[in-house]
Amino acid sequence: MSEETVDLKKWYVVRAVSGQENKIRDYMDSEINRLGFNDFVEDILVPTQKVVQIRNCLLYTSDAADE
């Protein structure tokens, strides 16, 4: 990747419906690949946090998108 291509990259924020973040990330990734914009988009990040729940005396952990 050339220096000029690296300089053209910028940060963008996309607001998504709660609970649909990963689905939208996958859709954006497939569209980027389909349209050939791989040189312009380096990564798509979805912030998550660990959620710990106790149900029936058992400990469950999962990742949830930050709000």
PDB file of N, CA and C in Angstrom:
ATOM      1  N   MET A   1       0.846  -1.162   0.000  1.00  0.00           N
ATOM      2  CA  MET A   1       0.000   0.000   0.000  1.00  0.00           C
ATOM      3  C   MET A   1       0.900   1.237   0.000  1.00  0.00           C
ATOM      4  N   SER A   2       0.617   2.162  -0.849  1.00  0.00           N
ATOM      5  CA  SER A   2       1.464   3.335  -0.977  1.00  0.00           C
ATOM      6  C   SER A   2       1.176   4.343   0.136  1.00  0.00           C
ATOM      7  N   GLU A   3       2.087   5.281   0.307  1.00  0.00           N
ATOM      8  CA  GLU A   3       1.920   6.332   1.313  1.00  0.00           C
ATOM      9  C   GLU A   3       0.691   7.185   1.027  1.00  0.00           C
ATOM     10  N   GLU A   4       0.396   7.423  -0.245  1.00  0.00           N
ATOM     11  CA  GLU A   4      -0.758   8.243  -0.603  1.00  0.00           C
ATOM     12  C   GLU A   4      -2.061   7.575  -0.170  1.00  0.00           C
ATOM     13  N   THR A   5      -2.168   6.264  -0.314  1.00  0.00           N
ATOM     14  CA  THR A   5      -3.371   5.551   0.073  1.00  0.00           C
ATOM     15  C   THR A   5      -3.565   5.609   1.580  1.00  0.00           C
ATOM     16  N   VAL A   6      -2.492   5.477   2.342  1.00  0.00           N
ATOM     17  CA  VAL A   6      -2.578   5.530   3.793  1.00  0.00           C
ATOM     18  C   VAL A   6      -3.057   6.904   4.243  1.00  0.00           C
ATOM     19  N   ASP A   7      -2.607   7.962   3.600  1.00  0.00           N
ATOM     20  CA  ASP A   7      -2.990   9.307   3.983  1.00  0.00           C
ATOM     21  C   ASP A   7      -4.461   9.602   3.693  1.00  0.00           C
ATOM     22  N   LEU A   8      -5.091   8.877   2.789  1.00  0.00           N
ATOM     23  CA  LEU A   8      -6.475   9.129   2.430  1.00  0.00           C
ATOM     24  C   LEU A   8      -7.474   8.513   3.407  1.00  0.00           C
ATOM     25  N   LYS A   9      -7.032   7.638   4.293  1.00  0.00           N
ATOM     26  CA  LYS A   9      -7.943   6.973   5.221  1.00  0.00           C
ATOM     27  C   LYS A   9      -8.371   7.922   6.323  1.00  0.00           C
ATOM     28  N   LYS A  10      -9.666   7.867   6.664  1.00  0.00           N
ATOM     29  CA  LYS A  10     -10.241   8.707   7.709  1.00  0.00           C
ATOM     30  C   LYS A  10     -11.143   7.850   8.595  1.00  0.00           C
ATOM     31  N   TRP A  11     -11.506   8.391   9.751  1.00  0.00           N
ATOM     32  CA  TRP A  11     -12.406   7.724  10.682  1.00  0.00           C
ATOM     33  C   TRP A  11     -13.832   8.166  10.405  1.00  0.00           C
ATOM     34  N   TYR A  12     -14.768   7.231  10.470  1.00  0.00           N
ATOM     35  CA  TYR A  12     -16.189   7.530  10.344  1.00  0.00           C
ATOM     36  C   TYR A  12     -16.943   6.752  11.414  1.00  0.00           C
ATOM     37  N   VAL A  13     -18.070   7.299  11.852  1.00  0.00           N
ATOM     38  CA  VAL A  13     -18.908   6.647  12.846  1.00  0.00           C
ATOM     39  C   VAL A  13     -20.274   6.403  12.211  1.00  0.00           C
ATOM     40  N   VAL A  14     -20.788   5.191  12.383  1.00  0.00           N
ATOM     41  CA  VAL A  14     -22.100   4.832  11.859  1.00  0.00           C
ATOM     42  C   VAL A  14     -22.984   4.465  13.038  1.00  0.00           C
ATOM     43  N   ARG A  15     -24.133   5.104  13.129  1.00  0.00           N
ATOM     44  CA  ARG A  15     -25.095   4.740  14.173  1.00  0.00           C
ATOM     45  C   ARG A  15     -25.966   3.613  13.661  1.00  0.00           C
ATOM     46  N   ALA A  16     -26.171   2.612  14.508  1.00  0.00           N
ATOM     47  CA  ALA A  16     -26.955   1.441  14.116  1.00  0.00           C
ATOM     48  C   ALA A  16     -28.021   1.165  15.166  1.00  0.00           C
ATOM     49  N   VAL A  17     -29.039   0.437  14.753  1.00  0.00           N
ATOM     50  CA  VAL A  17     -30.089   0.015  15.672  1.00  0.00           C
ATOM     51  C   VAL A  17     -29.465  -0.925  16.698  1.00  0.00           C
ATOM     52  N   SER A  18     -29.820  -0.745  17.947  1.00  0.00           N
ATOM     53  CA  SER A  18     -29.265  -1.565  19.009  1.00  0.00           C
ATOM     54  C   SER A  18     -29.529  -3.043  18.749  1.00  0.00           C
ATOM     55  N   GLY A  19     -28.494  -3.840  18.867  1.00  0.00           N
ATOM     56  CA  GLY A  19     -28.597  -5.269  18.632  1.00  0.00           C
ATOM     57  C   GLY A  19     -28.309  -5.673  17.191  1.00  0.00           C
ATOM     58  N   GLN A  20     -28.155  -4.712  16.294  1.00  0.00           N
ATOM     59  CA  GLN A  20     -27.922  -5.004  14.881  1.00  0.00           C
ATOM     60  C   GLN A  20     -26.502  -4.644  14.445  1.00  0.00           C
ATOM     61  N   GLU A  21     -25.625  -4.314  15.385  1.00  0.00           N
ATOM     62  CA  GLU A  21     -24.292  -3.815  15.058  1.00  0.00           C
ATOM     63  C   GLU A  21     -23.471  -4.815  14.241  1.00  0.00           C
ATOM     64  N   ASN A  22     -23.445  -6.067  14.664  1.00  0.00           N
ATOM     65  CA  ASN A  22     -22.644  -7.073  13.958  1.00  0.00           C
ATOM     66  C   ASN A  22     -23.212  -7.366  12.573  1.00  0.00           C
ATOM     67  N   LYS A  23     -24.531  -7.367  12.453  1.00  0.00           N
ATOM     68  CA  LYS A  23     -25.167  -7.595  11.157  1.00  0.00           C
ATOM     69  C   LYS A  23     -24.794  -6.472  10.183  1.00  0.00           C
ATOM     70  N   ILE A  24     -24.805  -5.238  10.655  1.00  0.00           N
ATOM     71  CA  ILE A  24     -24.451  -4.098   9.814  1.00  0.00           C
ATOM     72  C   ILE A  24     -22.974  -4.125   9.463  1.00  0.00           C
ATOM     73  N   ARG A  25     -22.115  -4.511  10.418  1.00  0.00           N
ATOM     74  CA  ARG A  25     -20.686  -4.644  10.132  1.00  0.00           C
ATOM     75  C   ARG A  25     -20.445  -5.674   9.029  1.00  0.00           C
ATOM     76  N   ASP A  26     -21.131  -6.822   9.120  1.00  0.00           N
ATOM     77  CA  ASP A  26     -20.982  -7.858   8.093  1.00  0.00           C
ATOM     78  C   ASP A  26     -21.460  -7.362   6.738  1.00  0.00           C
ATOM     79  N   TYR A  27     -22.583  -6.621   6.715  1.00  0.00           N
ATOM     80  CA  TYR A  27     -23.102  -6.082   5.457  1.00  0.00           C
ATOM     81  C   TYR A  27     -22.121  -5.076   4.852  1.00  0.00           C
ATOM     82  N   MET A  28     -21.599  -4.172   5.697  1.00  0.00           N
ATOM     83  CA  MET A  28     -20.638  -3.185   5.207  1.00  0.00           C
ATOM     84  C   MET A  28     -19.390  -3.873   4.664  1.00  0.00           C
ATOM     85  N   ASP A  29     -18.923  -4.898   5.346  1.00  0.00           N
ATOM     86  CA  ASP A  29     -17.737  -5.628   4.906  1.00  0.00           C
ATOM     87  C   ASP A  29     -17.977  -6.300   3.553  1.00  0.00           C
ATOM     88  N   SER A  30     -19.147  -6.897   3.373  1.00  0.00           N
ATOM     89  CA  SER A  30     -19.438  -7.554   2.094  1.00  0.00           C
ATOM     90  C   SER A  30     -19.559  -6.536   0.959  1.00  0.00           C
ATOM     91  N   GLU A  31     -20.149  -5.368   1.231  1.00  0.00           N
ATOM     92  CA  GLU A  31     -20.266  -4.325   0.209  1.00  0.00           C
ATOM     93  C   GLU A  31     -18.895  -3.740  -0.152  1.00  0.00           C
ATOM     94  N   ILE A  32     -18.033  -3.579   0.831  1.00  0.00           N
ATOM     95  CA  ILE A  32     -16.682  -3.076   0.579  1.00  0.00           C
ATOM     96  C   ILE A  32     -15.931  -4.048  -0.330  1.00  0.00           C
ATOM     97  N   ASN A  33     -16.055  -5.338  -0.045  1.00  0.00           N
ATOM     98  CA  ASN A  33     -15.403  -6.350  -0.885  1.00  0.00           C
ATOM     99  C   ASN A  33     -16.009  -6.384  -2.278  1.00  0.00           C
ATOM    100  N   ARG A  34     -17.329  -6.305  -2.368  1.00  0.00           N
ATOM    101  CA  ARG A  34     -18.016  -6.386  -3.655  1.00  0.00           C
ATOM    102  C   ARG A  34     -17.666  -5.209  -4.553  1.00  0.00           C
ATOM    103  N   LEU A  35     -17.565  -4.009  -3.959  1.00  0.00           N
ATOM    104  CA  LEU A  35     -17.292  -2.809  -4.746  1.00  0.00           C
ATOM    105  C   LEU A  35     -15.798  -2.554  -4.953  1.00  0.00           C
ATOM    106  N   GLY A  36     -14.952  -3.341  -4.282  1.00  0.00           N
ATOM    107  CA  GLY A  36     -13.510  -3.204  -4.475  1.00  0.00           C
ATOM    108  C   GLY A  36     -12.889  -2.039  -3.733  1.00  0.00           C
ATOM    109  N   PHE A  37     -13.458  -1.671  -2.590  1.00  0.00           N
ATOM    110  CA  PHE A  37     -12.924  -0.562  -1.800  1.00  0.00           C
ATOM    111  C   PHE A  37     -12.000  -1.040  -0.677  1.00  0.00           C
ATOM    112  N   ASN A  38     -11.431  -2.223  -0.818  1.00  0.00           N
ATOM    113  CA  ASN A  38     -10.573  -2.781   0.226  1.00  0.00           C
ATOM    114  C   ASN A  38      -9.365  -1.902   0.527  1.00  0.00           C
ATOM    115  N   ASP A  39      -8.868  -1.173  -0.469  1.00  0.00           N
ATOM    116  CA  ASP A  39      -7.713  -0.305  -0.246  1.00  0.00           C
ATOM    117  C   ASP A  39      -8.068   0.927   0.565  1.00  0.00           C
ATOM    118  N   PHE A  40      -9.340   1.274   0.621  1.00  0.00           N
ATOM    119  CA  PHE A  40      -9.763   2.494   1.307  1.00  0.00           C
ATOM    120  C   PHE A  40     -10.278   2.244   2.719  1.00  0.00           C
ATOM    121  N   VAL A  41     -10.699   1.022   3.020  1.00  0.00           N
ATOM    122  CA  VAL A  41     -11.230   0.682   4.346  1.00  0.00           C
ATOM    123  C   VAL A  41     -10.316  -0.366   4.966  1.00  0.00           C
ATOM    124  N   GLU A  42      -9.693   0.006   6.063  1.00  0.00           N
ATOM    125  CA  GLU A  42      -8.758  -0.913   6.709  1.00  0.00           C
ATOM    126  C   GLU A  42      -9.467  -1.863   7.659  1.00  0.00           C
ATOM    127  N   ASP A  43     -10.410  -1.343   8.467  1.00  0.00           N
ATOM    128  CA  ASP A  43     -11.053  -2.169   9.481  1.00  0.00           C
ATOM    129  C   ASP A  43     -12.393  -1.562   9.856  1.00  0.00           C
ATOM    130  N   ILE A  44     -13.316  -2.410  10.276  1.00  0.00           N
ATOM    131  CA  ILE A  44     -14.606  -1.976  10.803  1.00  0.00           C
ATOM    132  C   ILE A  44     -14.665  -2.477  12.237  1.00  0.00           C
ATOM    133  N   LEU A  45     -14.810  -1.560  13.181  1.00  0.00           N
ATOM    134  CA  LEU A  45     -14.796  -1.907  14.595  1.00  0.00           C
ATOM    135  C   LEU A  45     -16.177  -1.747  15.205  1.00  0.00           C
ATOM    136  N   VAL A  46     -16.564  -2.702  16.041  1.00  0.00           N
ATOM    137  CA  VAL A  46     -17.796  -2.618  16.816  1.00  0.00           C
ATOM    138  C   VAL A  46     -17.394  -2.734  18.276  1.00  0.00           C
ATOM    139  N   PRO A  47     -17.562  -1.656  19.058  1.00  0.00           N
ATOM    140  CA  PRO A  47     -17.189  -1.725  20.472  1.00  0.00           C
ATOM    141  C   PRO A  47     -18.125  -2.656  21.245  1.00  0.00           C
ATOM    142  N   THR A  48     -17.550  -3.514  22.064  1.00  0.00           N
ATOM    143  CA  THR A  48     -18.339  -4.436  22.879  1.00  0.00           C
ATOM    144  C   THR A  48     -17.833  -4.422  24.310  1.00  0.00           C
ATOM    145  N   GLN A  49     -18.642  -4.948  25.192  1.00  0.00           N
ATOM    146  CA  GLN A  49     -18.237  -5.085  26.587  1.00  0.00           C
ATOM    147  C   GLN A  49     -18.686  -6.456  27.084  1.00  0.00           C
ATOM    148  N   LYS A  50     -17.974  -6.997  28.055  1.00  0.00           N
ATOM    149  CA  LYS A  50     -18.336  -8.280  28.643  1.00  0.00           C
ATOM    150  C   LYS A  50     -19.532  -8.076  29.563  1.00  0.00           C
ATOM    151  N   VAL A  51     -20.546  -8.934  29.414  1.00  0.00           N
ATOM    152  CA  VAL A  51     -21.727  -8.901  30.265  1.00  0.00           C
ATOM    153  C   VAL A  51     -21.760 -10.208  31.041  1.00  0.00           C
ATOM    154  N   VAL A  52     -21.869 -10.091  32.352  1.00  0.00           N
ATOM    155  CA  VAL A  52     -21.905 -11.272  33.216  1.00  0.00           C
ATOM    156  C   VAL A  52     -23.293 -11.342  33.841  1.00  0.00           C
ATOM    157  N   GLN A  53     -23.942 -12.503  33.709  1.00  0.00           N
ATOM    158  CA  GLN A  53     -25.268 -12.707  34.276  1.00  0.00           C
ATOM    159  C   GLN A  53     -25.251 -13.966  35.126  1.00  0.00           C
ATOM    160  N   ILE A  54     -26.060 -13.943  36.179  1.00  0.00           N
ATOM    161  CA  ILE A  54     -26.216 -15.130  37.021  1.00  0.00           C
ATOM    162  C   ILE A  54     -27.663 -15.578  36.890  1.00  0.00           C
ATOM    163  N   ARG A  55     -27.832 -16.807  36.372  1.00  0.00           N
ATOM    164  CA  ARG A  55     -29.168 -17.386  36.228  1.00  0.00           C
ATOM    165  C   ARG A  55     -29.140 -18.802  36.787  1.00  0.00           C
ATOM    166  N   ASN A  56     -30.079 -19.090  37.656  1.00  0.00           N
ATOM    167  CA  ASN A  56     -30.186 -20.432  38.258  1.00  0.00           C
ATOM    168  C   ASN A  56     -28.857 -20.855  38.874  1.00  0.00           C
ATOM    169  N   CYS A  57     -28.213 -19.934  39.554  1.00  0.00           N
ATOM    170  CA  CYS A  57     -26.937 -20.177  40.249  1.00  0.00           C
ATOM    171  C   CYS A  57     -25.797 -20.507  39.295  1.00  0.00           C
ATOM    172  N   LEU A  58     -25.922 -20.193  38.019  1.00  0.00           N
ATOM    173  CA  LEU A  58     -24.850 -20.408  37.055  1.00  0.00           C
ATOM    174  C   LEU A  58     -24.413 -19.062  36.494  1.00  0.00           C
ATOM    175  N   LEU A  59     -23.129 -18.945  36.222  1.00  0.00           N
ATOM    176  CA  LEU A  59     -22.542 -17.703  35.725  1.00  0.00           C
ATOM    177  C   LEU A  59     -22.453 -17.769  34.197  1.00  0.00           C
ATOM    178  N   TYR A  60     -23.040 -16.793  33.499  1.00  0.00           N
ATOM    179  CA  TYR A  60     -23.008 -16.706  32.044  1.00  0.00           C
ATOM    180  C   TYR A  60     -22.289 -15.419  31.640  1.00  0.00           C
ATOM    181  N   THR A  61     -21.384 -15.510  30.671  1.00  0.00           N
ATOM    182  CA  THR A  61     -20.726 -14.322  30.145  1.00  0.00           C
ATOM    183  C   THR A  61     -20.991 -14.236  28.653  1.00  0.00           C
ATOM    184  N   SER A  62     -21.119 -13.017  28.171  1.00  0.00           N
ATOM    185  CA  SER A  62     -21.317 -12.783  26.745  1.00  0.00           C
ATOM    186  C   SER A  62     -20.797 -11.406  26.401  1.00  0.00           C
ATOM    187  N   ASP A  63     -20.624 -11.155  25.102  1.00  0.00           N
ATOM    188  CA  ASP A  63     -20.227  -9.834  24.625  1.00  0.00           C
ATOM    189  C   ASP A  63     -21.482  -9.087  24.193  1.00  0.00           C
ATOM    190  N   ALA A  64     -21.561  -7.827  24.575  1.00  0.00           N
ATOM    191  CA  ALA A  64     -22.691  -6.981  24.168  1.00  0.00           C
ATOM    192  C   ALA A  64     -22.125  -5.690  23.621  1.00  0.00           C
ATOM    193  N   ALA A  65     -22.787  -5.132  22.639  1.00  0.00           N
ATOM    194  CA  ALA A  65     -22.342  -3.856  22.066  1.00  0.00           C
ATOM    195  C   ALA A  65     -22.553  -2.747  23.080  1.00  0.00           C
ATOM    196  N   ASP A  66     -21.593  -1.822  23.122  1.00  0.00           N
ATOM    197  CA  ASP A  66     -21.718  -0.666  24.010  1.00  0.00           C
ATOM    198  C   ASP A  66     -22.840   0.225  23.525  1.00  0.00           C
ATOM    199  N   GLU A  67     -23.496   0.876  24.458  1.00  0.00           N
ATOM    200  CA  GLU A  67     -24.543   1.825  24.101  1.00  0.00           C
ATOM    201  C   GLU A  67     -24.063   3.223  24.218  1.00  0.00           C
TER     202      GLU A  67
END
